[in-house]
PDB file of N, CA and C in Angstrom:
ATOM      1  N   UNK A   1     -46.482 -20.211  -8.912  1.00  0.00           N
ATOM      2  CA  UNK A   1     -46.225 -18.829  -8.382  1.00  0.00           C
ATOM      3  C   UNK A   1     -46.676 -18.753  -7.120  1.00  0.00           C
ATOM      4  N   UNK A   2     -45.628 -17.845  -6.148  1.00  0.00           N
ATOM      5  CA  UNK A   2     -45.893 -17.342  -4.654  1.00  0.00           C
ATOM      6  C   UNK A   2     -46.791 -16.066  -4.996  1.00  0.00           C
ATOM      7  N   UNK A   3     -47.389 -16.229  -3.713  1.00  0.00           N
ATOM      8  CA  UNK A   3     -47.919 -14.463  -3.568  1.00  0.00           C
ATOM      9  C   UNK A   3     -47.232 -13.652  -2.684  1.00  0.00           C
ATOM     10  N   UNK A   4     -47.033 -12.444  -2.675  1.00  0.00           N
ATOM     11  CA  UNK A   4     -45.721 -11.529  -2.039  1.00  0.00           C
ATOM     12  C   UNK A   4     -46.513 -10.613  -1.227  1.00  0.00           C
ATOM     13  N   UNK A   5     -46.733 -10.534  -0.143  1.00  0.00           N
ATOM     14  CA  UNK A   5     -47.288  -9.395   0.431  1.00  0.00           C
ATOM     15  C   UNK A   5     -46.391  -7.591   0.377  1.00  0.00           C
ATOM     16  N   UNK A   6     -47.037  -6.534   0.690  1.00  0.00           N
ATOM     17  CA  UNK A   6     -46.431  -5.388   0.065  1.00  0.00           C
ATOM     18  C   UNK A   6     -45.505  -5.509   1.448  1.00  0.00           C
ATOM     19  N   UNK A   7     -45.690  -5.677   2.646  1.00  0.00           N
ATOM     20  CA  UNK A   7     -44.554  -5.733   3.920  1.00  0.00           C
ATOM     21  C   UNK A   7     -43.328  -6.541   3.286  1.00  0.00           C
ATOM     22  N   UNK A   8     -43.351  -7.670   2.524  1.00  0.00           N
ATOM     23  CA  UNK A   8     -42.498  -8.425   2.366  1.00  0.00           C
ATOM     24  C   UNK A   8     -41.514  -7.594   0.998  1.00  0.00           C
ATOM     25  N   UNK A   9     -42.390  -7.085   0.403  1.00  0.00           N
ATOM     26  CA  UNK A   9     -41.807  -6.555  -1.100  1.00  0.00           C
ATOM     27  C   UNK A   9     -40.686  -5.366  -0.444  1.00  0.00           C
ATOM     28  N   UNK A  10     -41.346  -4.408   0.513  1.00  0.00           N
ATOM     29  CA  UNK A  10     -40.543  -3.403   1.047  1.00  0.00           C
ATOM     30  C   UNK A  10     -39.402  -4.198   2.009  1.00  0.00           C
ATOM     31  N   UNK A  11     -39.420  -5.373   2.480  1.00  0.00           N
ATOM     32  CA  UNK A  11     -38.416  -5.905   3.148  1.00  0.00           C
ATOM     33  C   UNK A  11     -37.287  -6.107   2.566  1.00  0.00           C
ATOM     34  N   UNK A  12     -37.610  -6.595   0.934  1.00  0.00           N
ATOM     35  CA  UNK A  12     -36.772  -6.992   0.067  1.00  0.00           C
ATOM     36  C   UNK A  12     -35.851  -6.188  -0.382  1.00  0.00           C
ATOM     37  N   UNK A  13     -36.767  -5.026  -0.611  1.00  0.00           N
ATOM     38  CA  UNK A  13     -36.196  -3.496  -1.240  1.00  0.00           C
ATOM     39  C   UNK A  13     -35.331  -3.078  -0.120  1.00  0.00           C
ATOM     40  N   UNK A  14     -35.503  -2.941   1.006  1.00  0.00           N
ATOM     41  CA  UNK A  14     -34.545  -2.289   2.146  1.00  0.00           C
ATOM     42  C   UNK A  14     -33.289  -3.177   2.017  1.00  0.00           C
ATOM     43  N   UNK A  15     -33.297  -4.757   2.169  1.00  0.00           N
ATOM     44  CA  UNK A  15     -32.221  -5.291   2.320  1.00  0.00           C
ATOM     45  C   UNK A  15     -31.462  -5.126   0.813  1.00  0.00           C
ATOM     46  N   UNK A  16     -32.005  -4.804  -0.477  1.00  0.00           N
ATOM     47  CA  UNK A  16     -31.072  -4.870  -1.601  1.00  0.00           C
ATOM     48  C   UNK A  16     -29.689  -4.081  -1.588  1.00  0.00           C
ATOM     49  N   UNK A  17     -29.775  -3.147  -0.301  1.00  0.00           N
ATOM     50  CA  UNK A  17     -28.204  -2.389  -0.569  1.00  0.00           C
ATOM     51  C   UNK A  17     -27.197  -2.909  -0.543  1.00  0.00           C
ATOM     52  N   UNK A  18     -25.997  -2.417  -0.582  1.00  0.00           N
ATOM     53  CA  UNK A  18     -24.933  -2.936  -0.884  1.00  0.00           C
ATOM     54  C   UNK A  18     -23.748  -2.163   0.092  1.00  0.00           C
ATOM     55  N   UNK A  19     -22.739  -3.103   0.648  1.00  0.00           N
ATOM     56  CA  UNK A  19     -22.004  -2.304   1.680  1.00  0.00           C
ATOM     57  C   UNK A  19     -20.724  -1.137   0.592  1.00  0.00           C
ATOM     58  N   UNK A  20     -20.112  -0.271   1.247  1.00  0.00           N
ATOM     59  CA  UNK A  20     -19.012   0.256   0.467  1.00  0.00           C
ATOM     60  C   UNK A  20     -18.245  -0.473   0.143  1.00  0.00           C
ATOM     61  N   UNK A  21     -17.882  -1.635   0.971  1.00  0.00           N
ATOM     62  CA  UNK A  21     -17.005  -2.781   0.753  1.00  0.00           C
ATOM     63  C   UNK A  21     -16.970  -3.387  -0.621  1.00  0.00           C
ATOM     64  N   UNK A  22     -18.259  -4.005  -0.720  1.00  0.00           N
ATOM     65  CA  UNK A  22     -18.930  -4.782  -2.138  1.00  0.00           C
ATOM     66  C   UNK A  22     -18.374  -3.667  -3.391  1.00  0.00           C
ATOM     67  N   UNK A  23     -19.010  -2.450  -3.377  1.00  0.00           N
ATOM     68  CA  UNK A  23     -18.803  -1.509  -4.333  1.00  0.00           C
ATOM     69  C   UNK A  23     -17.503  -1.307  -4.699  1.00  0.00           C
ATOM     70  N   UNK A  24     -16.469  -1.341  -3.666  1.00  0.00           N
ATOM     71  CA  UNK A  24     -15.032  -1.084  -4.109  1.00  0.00           C
ATOM     72  C   UNK A  24     -14.504  -2.159  -4.442  1.00  0.00           C
ATOM     73  N   UNK A  25     -14.744  -3.828  -3.783  1.00  0.00           N
ATOM     74  CA  UNK A  25     -14.252  -4.647  -4.678  1.00  0.00           C
ATOM     75  C   UNK A  25     -14.918  -4.698  -6.395  1.00  0.00           C
ATOM     76  N   UNK A  26     -16.003  -4.423  -6.550  1.00  0.00           N
ATOM     77  CA  UNK A  26     -16.355  -4.466  -7.770  1.00  0.00           C
ATOM     78  C   UNK A  26     -15.494  -3.276  -8.673  1.00  0.00           C
ATOM     79  N   UNK A  27     -15.542  -1.948  -8.236  1.00  0.00           N
ATOM     80  CA  UNK A  27     -14.789  -1.238  -8.965  1.00  0.00           C
ATOM     81  C   UNK A  27     -13.137  -1.570  -8.939  1.00  0.00           C
ATOM     82  N   UNK A  28     -12.219  -2.191  -8.349  1.00  0.00           N
ATOM     83  CA  UNK A  28     -11.285  -2.943  -8.207  1.00  0.00           C
ATOM     84  C   UNK A  28     -11.448  -3.463  -9.161  1.00  0.00           C
ATOM     85  N   UNK A  29     -12.149  -4.438  -9.574  1.00  0.00           N
ATOM     86  CA  UNK A  29     -12.262  -5.389 -10.728  1.00  0.00           C
ATOM     87  C   UNK A  29     -12.112  -4.799 -11.967  1.00  0.00           C
ATOM     88  N   UNK A  30     -12.800  -3.716 -11.987  1.00  0.00           N
ATOM     89  CA  UNK A  30     -13.122  -2.703 -13.403  1.00  0.00           C
ATOM     90  C   UNK A  30     -11.742  -1.858 -13.335  1.00  0.00           C
ATOM     91  N   UNK A  31     -11.291  -1.380 -12.494  1.00  0.00           N
ATOM     92  CA  UNK A  31      -9.659  -0.420 -12.541  1.00  0.00           C
ATOM     93  C   UNK A  31      -8.840  -1.743 -12.983  1.00  0.00           C
ATOM     94  N   UNK A  32      -8.681  -2.966 -12.500  1.00  0.00           N
ATOM     95  CA  UNK A  32      -7.738  -4.022 -12.848  1.00  0.00           C
ATOM     96  C   UNK A  32      -8.083  -4.492 -14.589  1.00  0.00           C
ATOM     97  N   UNK A  33      -9.101  -4.578 -14.730  1.00  0.00           N
ATOM     98  CA  UNK A  33      -9.252  -4.875 -16.259  1.00  0.00           C
ATOM     99  C   UNK A  33      -9.177  -3.758 -17.023  1.00  0.00           C
ATOM    100  N   UNK A  34      -9.477  -2.385 -16.543  1.00  0.00           N
ATOM    101  CA  UNK A  34      -9.488  -1.276 -17.527  1.00  0.00           C
ATOM    102  C   UNK A  34      -7.944  -1.006 -17.730  1.00  0.00           C
ATOM    103  N   UNK A  35      -7.065  -0.752 -16.825  1.00  0.00           N
ATOM    104  CA  UNK A  35      -6.042  -0.717 -17.136  1.00  0.00           C
ATOM    105  C   UNK A  35      -5.045  -1.477 -17.846  1.00  0.00           C
ATOM    106  N   UNK A  36      -5.533  -2.916 -17.653  1.00  0.00           N
ATOM    107  CA  UNK A  36      -4.860  -3.721 -18.452  1.00  0.00           C
ATOM    108  C   UNK A  36      -5.162  -3.743 -19.917  1.00  0.00           C
ATOM    109  N   UNK A  37      -6.262  -2.897 -20.316  1.00  0.00           N
ATOM    110  CA  UNK A  37      -6.920  -2.552 -21.602  1.00  0.00           C
ATOM    111  C   UNK A  37      -5.945  -1.355 -22.119  1.00  0.00           C
ATOM    112  N   UNK A  38      -4.931  -0.622 -20.783  1.00  0.00           N
ATOM    113  CA  UNK A  38      -4.244   0.726 -21.274  1.00  0.00           C
ATOM    114  C   UNK A  38      -5.487   1.839 -20.983  1.00  0.00           C
ATOM    115  N   UNK A  39      -6.296   1.678 -20.334  1.00  0.00           N
ATOM    116  CA  UNK A  39      -7.189   2.912 -19.860  1.00  0.00           C
ATOM    117  C   UNK A  39      -6.768   3.409 -18.711  1.00  0.00           C
ATOM    118  N   UNK A  40      -7.068   4.436 -18.419  1.00  0.00           N
ATOM    119  CA  UNK A  40      -6.549   5.379 -17.389  1.00  0.00           C
ATOM    120  C   UNK A  40      -7.747   5.838 -16.573  1.00  0.00           C
ATOM    121  N   UNK A  41      -8.850   5.296 -16.636  1.00  0.00           N
ATOM    122  CA  UNK A  41      -9.984   5.608 -15.887  1.00  0.00           C
ATOM    123  C   UNK A  41     -10.903   4.914 -16.171  1.00  0.00           C
ATOM    124  N   UNK A  42     -11.777   4.923 -15.015  1.00  0.00           N
ATOM    125  CA  UNK A  42     -13.232   4.060 -15.212  1.00  0.00           C
ATOM    126  C   UNK A  42     -14.626   5.383 -14.531  1.00  0.00           C
ATOM    127  N   UNK A  43     -15.625   4.810 -14.706  1.00  0.00           N
ATOM    128  CA  UNK A  43     -16.573   5.848 -14.752  1.00  0.00           C
ATOM    129  C   UNK A  43     -17.900   4.979 -14.147  1.00  0.00           C
ATOM    130  N   UNK A  44     -18.037   4.723 -13.072  1.00  0.00           N
ATOM    131  CA  UNK A  44     -19.072   3.958 -12.633  1.00  0.00           C
ATOM    132  C   UNK A  44     -20.260   4.427 -11.638  1.00  0.00           C
ATOM    133  N   UNK A  45     -21.442   3.829 -11.215  1.00  0.00           N
ATOM    134  CA  UNK A  45     -22.342   4.205 -11.028  1.00  0.00           C
ATOM    135  C   UNK A  45     -22.663   3.397  -9.432  1.00  0.00           C
ATOM    136  N   UNK A  46     -23.288   4.334  -8.725  1.00  0.00           N
ATOM    137  CA  UNK A  46     -23.597   3.950  -7.202  1.00  0.00           C
ATOM    138  C   UNK A  46     -25.434   4.372  -7.592  1.00  0.00           C
ATOM    139  N   UNK A  47     -26.210   3.217  -7.844  1.00  0.00           N
ATOM    140  CA  UNK A  47     -27.423   3.424  -8.032  1.00  0.00           C
ATOM    141  C   UNK A  47     -28.469   3.582  -7.002  1.00  0.00           C
ATOM    142  N   UNK A  48     -29.247   4.418  -6.817  1.00  0.00           N
ATOM    143  CA  UNK A  48     -30.124   4.509  -5.843  1.00  0.00           C
ATOM    144  C   UNK A  48     -31.016   3.437  -5.781  1.00  0.00           C
ATOM    145  N   UNK A  49     -31.155   2.777  -4.388  1.00  0.00           N
ATOM    146  CA  UNK A  49     -31.666   1.852  -4.122  1.00  0.00           C
ATOM    147  C   UNK A  49     -30.624   0.844  -3.902  1.00  0.00           C
ATOM    148  N   UNK A  50     -29.857   0.821  -4.401  1.00  0.00           N
ATOM    149  CA  UNK A  50     -28.538  -0.411  -3.816  1.00  0.00           C
ATOM    150  C   UNK A  50     -27.569   0.443  -3.058  1.00  0.00           C
ATOM    151  N   UNK A  51     -27.469   1.919  -3.124  1.00  0.00           N
ATOM    152  CA  UNK A  51     -26.320   2.683  -2.557  1.00  0.00           C
ATOM    153  C   UNK A  51     -27.269   3.962  -1.207  1.00  0.00           C
ATOM    154  N   UNK A  52     -26.598   3.717  -0.404  1.00  0.00           N
ATOM    155  CA  UNK A  52     -27.320   4.787   0.770  1.00  0.00           C
ATOM    156  C   UNK A  52     -26.900   6.241   0.400  1.00  0.00           C
ATOM    157  N   UNK A  53     -27.897   6.928   0.981  1.00  0.00           N
ATOM    158  CA  UNK A  53     -27.100   8.566   0.945  1.00  0.00           C
ATOM    159  C   UNK A  53     -25.345   8.877   1.364  1.00  0.00           C
ATOM    160  N   UNK A  54     -24.701   9.290   1.020  1.00  0.00           N
ATOM    161  CA  UNK A  54     -23.391   9.469   1.309  1.00  0.00           C
ATOM    162  C   UNK A  54     -22.703   8.573   1.295  1.00  0.00           C
ATOM    163  N   UNK A  55     -22.918   7.316   0.907  1.00  0.00           N
ATOM    164  CA  UNK A  55     -22.103   6.504   0.249  1.00  0.00           C
ATOM    165  C   UNK A  55     -20.794   6.667  -0.787  1.00  0.00           C
ATOM    166  N   UNK A  56     -21.448   7.255  -1.463  1.00  0.00           N
ATOM    167  CA  UNK A  56     -20.337   7.793  -3.007  1.00  0.00           C
ATOM    168  C   UNK A  56     -19.351   8.640  -2.161  1.00  0.00           C
ATOM    169  N   UNK A  57     -19.570   9.261  -0.999  1.00  0.00           N
ATOM    170  CA  UNK A  57     -18.261  10.089  -0.551  1.00  0.00           C
ATOM    171  C   UNK A  57     -17.506   9.051   0.069  1.00  0.00           C
ATOM    172  N   UNK A  58     -17.946   7.721   0.828  1.00  0.00           N
ATOM    173  CA  UNK A  58     -17.128   6.886   1.502  1.00  0.00           C
ATOM    174  C   UNK A  58     -16.055   6.639   0.196  1.00  0.00           C
ATOM    175  N   UNK A  59     -16.793   5.987  -0.792  1.00  0.00           N
ATOM    176  CA  UNK A  59     -16.295   5.174  -1.983  1.00  0.00           C
ATOM    177  C   UNK A  59     -14.786   6.235  -2.714  1.00  0.00           C
ATOM    178  N   UNK A  60     -15.432   7.399  -2.520  1.00  0.00           N
ATOM    179  CA  UNK A  60     -14.290   8.591  -3.086  1.00  0.00           C
ATOM    180  C   UNK A  60     -13.557   8.625  -2.128  1.00  0.00           C
ATOM    181  N   UNK A  61     -13.555   8.683  -1.000  1.00  0.00           N
ATOM    182  CA  UNK A  61     -12.267   9.126   0.023  1.00  0.00           C
ATOM    183  C   UNK A  61     -11.250   7.665  -0.185  1.00  0.00           C
ATOM    184  N   UNK A  62     -12.000   6.517  -0.167  1.00  0.00           N
ATOM    185  CA  UNK A  62     -11.355   5.565  -0.287  1.00  0.00           C
ATOM    186  C   UNK A  62     -10.256   5.295  -1.337  1.00  0.00           C
ATOM    187  N   UNK A  63     -10.731   5.883  -2.336  1.00  0.00           N
ATOM    188  CA  UNK A  63      -9.850   5.793  -3.644  1.00  0.00           C
ATOM    189  C   UNK A  63      -8.785   6.978  -3.487  1.00  0.00           C
ATOM    190  N   UNK A  64      -9.039   8.114  -2.738  1.00  0.00           N
ATOM    191  CA  UNK A  64      -7.918   8.974  -2.844  1.00  0.00           C
ATOM    192  C   UNK A  64      -7.201   8.915  -1.906  1.00  0.00           C
ATOM    193  N   UNK A  65      -7.679   8.228  -0.848  1.00  0.00           N
ATOM    194  CA  UNK A  65      -6.920   7.979   0.438  1.00  0.00           C
ATOM    195  C   UNK A  65      -5.545   6.609  -0.150  1.00  0.00           C
ATOM    196  N   UNK A  66      -6.180   6.183  -1.318  1.00  0.00           N
ATOM    197  CA  UNK A  66      -5.291   4.735  -2.014  1.00  0.00           C
ATOM    198  C   UNK A  66      -4.403   5.741  -3.290  1.00  0.00           C
ATOM    199  N   UNK A  67      -4.330   6.801  -3.554  1.00  0.00           N
ATOM    200  CA  UNK A  67      -3.644   7.422  -4.130  1.00  0.00           C
ATOM    201  C   UNK A  67      -4.211   7.568  -5.659  1.00  0.00           C
ATOM    202  N   UNK A  68      -5.401   7.231  -5.817  1.00  0.00           N
ATOM    203  CA  UNK A  68      -6.184   7.724  -6.986  1.00  0.00           C
ATOM    204  C   UNK A  68      -6.871   8.911  -7.220  1.00  0.00           C
ATOM    205  N   UNK A  69      -7.417   9.535  -8.471  1.00  0.00           N
ATOM    206  CA  UNK A  69      -8.145  10.395  -8.381  1.00  0.00           C
ATOM    207  C   UNK A  69      -9.501  10.199  -8.867  1.00  0.00           C
ATOM    208  N   UNK A  70     -10.024  10.630  -7.600  1.00  0.00           N
ATOM    209  CA  UNK A  70     -11.798  10.156  -7.398  1.00  0.00           C
ATOM    210  C   UNK A  70     -12.858  11.359  -7.168  1.00  0.00           C
ATOM    211  N   UNK A  71     -13.615  11.506  -8.255  1.00  0.00           N
ATOM    212  CA  UNK A  71     -14.382  12.523  -8.076  1.00  0.00           C
ATOM    213  C   UNK A  71     -16.253  12.124  -8.292  1.00  0.00           C
ATOM    214  N   UNK A  72     -16.898  13.021  -7.443  1.00  0.00           N
ATOM    215  CA  UNK A  72     -18.334  13.200  -8.293  1.00  0.00           C
ATOM    216  C   UNK A  72     -18.457  13.737  -9.381  1.00  0.00           C
ATOM    217  N   UNK A  73     -19.199  12.903 -10.352  1.00  0.00           N
ATOM    218  CA  UNK A  73     -19.459  13.402 -11.620  1.00  0.00           C
ATOM    219  C   UNK A  73     -20.672  14.376 -11.909  1.00  0.00           C
ATOM    220  N   UNK A  74     -21.714  13.188 -11.074  1.00  0.00           N
ATOM    221  CA  UNK A  74     -22.717  13.861 -11.516  1.00  0.00           C
ATOM    222  C   UNK A  74     -23.841  13.273 -10.267  1.00  0.00           C
ATOM    223  N   UNK A  75     -24.964  13.849 -10.218  1.00  0.00           N
ATOM    224  CA  UNK A  75     -26.165  13.002  -9.310  1.00  0.00           C
ATOM    225  C   UNK A  75     -27.222  13.238 -10.190  1.00  0.00           C
ATOM    226  N   UNK A  76     -28.142  12.116 -10.181  1.00  0.00           N
ATOM    227  CA  UNK A  76     -29.588  12.261 -11.047  1.00  0.00           C
ATOM    228  C   UNK A  76     -30.232  11.467 -10.533  1.00  0.00           C
ATOM    229  N   UNK A  77     -31.828  11.137 -10.756  1.00  0.00           N
ATOM    230  CA  UNK A  77     -32.332  10.093 -10.042  1.00  0.00           C
ATOM    231  C   UNK A  77     -32.165   9.010 -10.119  1.00  0.00           C
ATOM    232  N   UNK A  78     -31.537   8.324 -10.744  1.00  0.00           N
ATOM    233  CA  UNK A  78     -30.684   7.001 -10.844  1.00  0.00           C
ATOM    234  C   UNK A  78     -29.849   6.938  -9.906  1.00  0.00           C
ATOM    235  N   UNK A  79     -28.904   7.949  -9.468  1.00  0.00           N
ATOM    236  CA  UNK A  79     -28.043   7.417  -8.591  1.00  0.00           C
ATOM    237  C   UNK A  79     -26.576   8.704  -8.604  1.00  0.00           C
ATOM    238  N   UNK A  80     -25.431   8.097  -8.234  1.00  0.00           N
ATOM    239  CA  UNK A  80     -24.484   9.028  -8.224  1.00  0.00           C
ATOM    240  C   UNK A  80     -23.343   8.242  -9.149  1.00  0.00           C
ATOM    241  N   UNK A  81     -22.526   9.014 -10.178  1.00  0.00           N
ATOM    242  CA  UNK A  81     -21.495   8.886 -11.067  1.00  0.00           C
ATOM    243  C   UNK A  81     -20.623   9.164 -10.723  1.00  0.00           C
ATOM    244  N   UNK A  82     -19.255   8.402 -10.503  1.00  0.00           N
ATOM    245  CA  UNK A  82     -18.133   8.785 -10.272  1.00  0.00           C
ATOM    246  C   UNK A  82     -17.177   8.278 -11.080  1.00  0.00           C
ATOM    247  N   UNK A  83     -15.834   9.470 -11.345  1.00  0.00           N
ATOM    248  CA  UNK A  83     -14.934   8.883 -11.920  1.00  0.00           C
ATOM    249  C   UNK A  83     -13.451   8.664 -11.183  1.00  0.00           C
ATOM    250  N   UNK A  84     -13.162   7.795 -11.386  1.00  0.00           N
ATOM    251  CA  UNK A  84     -11.588   6.802 -10.738  1.00  0.00           C
ATOM    252  C   UNK A  84     -10.893   7.163 -11.636  1.00  0.00           C
ATOM    253  N   UNK A  85      -9.510   7.405 -11.586  1.00  0.00           N
ATOM    254  CA  UNK A  85      -8.515   7.512 -12.783  1.00  0.00           C
ATOM    255  C   UNK A  85      -7.206   7.493 -11.929  1.00  0.00           C
ATOM    256  N   UNK A  86      -6.121   7.037 -12.510  1.00  0.00           N
ATOM    257  CA  UNK A  86      -4.925   6.872 -11.541  1.00  0.00           C
ATOM    258  C   UNK A  86      -3.704   7.392 -13.328  1.00  0.00           C
TER     259      UNK A  86
END
């Protein structure tokens, strides 16, 4: 077992964020899979700690610009919940 300092643990946490492009790539995969099953929407979450403040707006704007309906459903202590529909 290795030991870790609090500073190292904080650095790991800070590095754990995801880019908007990474979220979009994952959500595109969900849209592809769900549309093939006859679904018309996905509900996804941007988890606090992985997403930065305001990143949900970037994701919503991206999908709206592509012609999807995208909206913020809720915000809670865990993160931001979005619905993307087509």
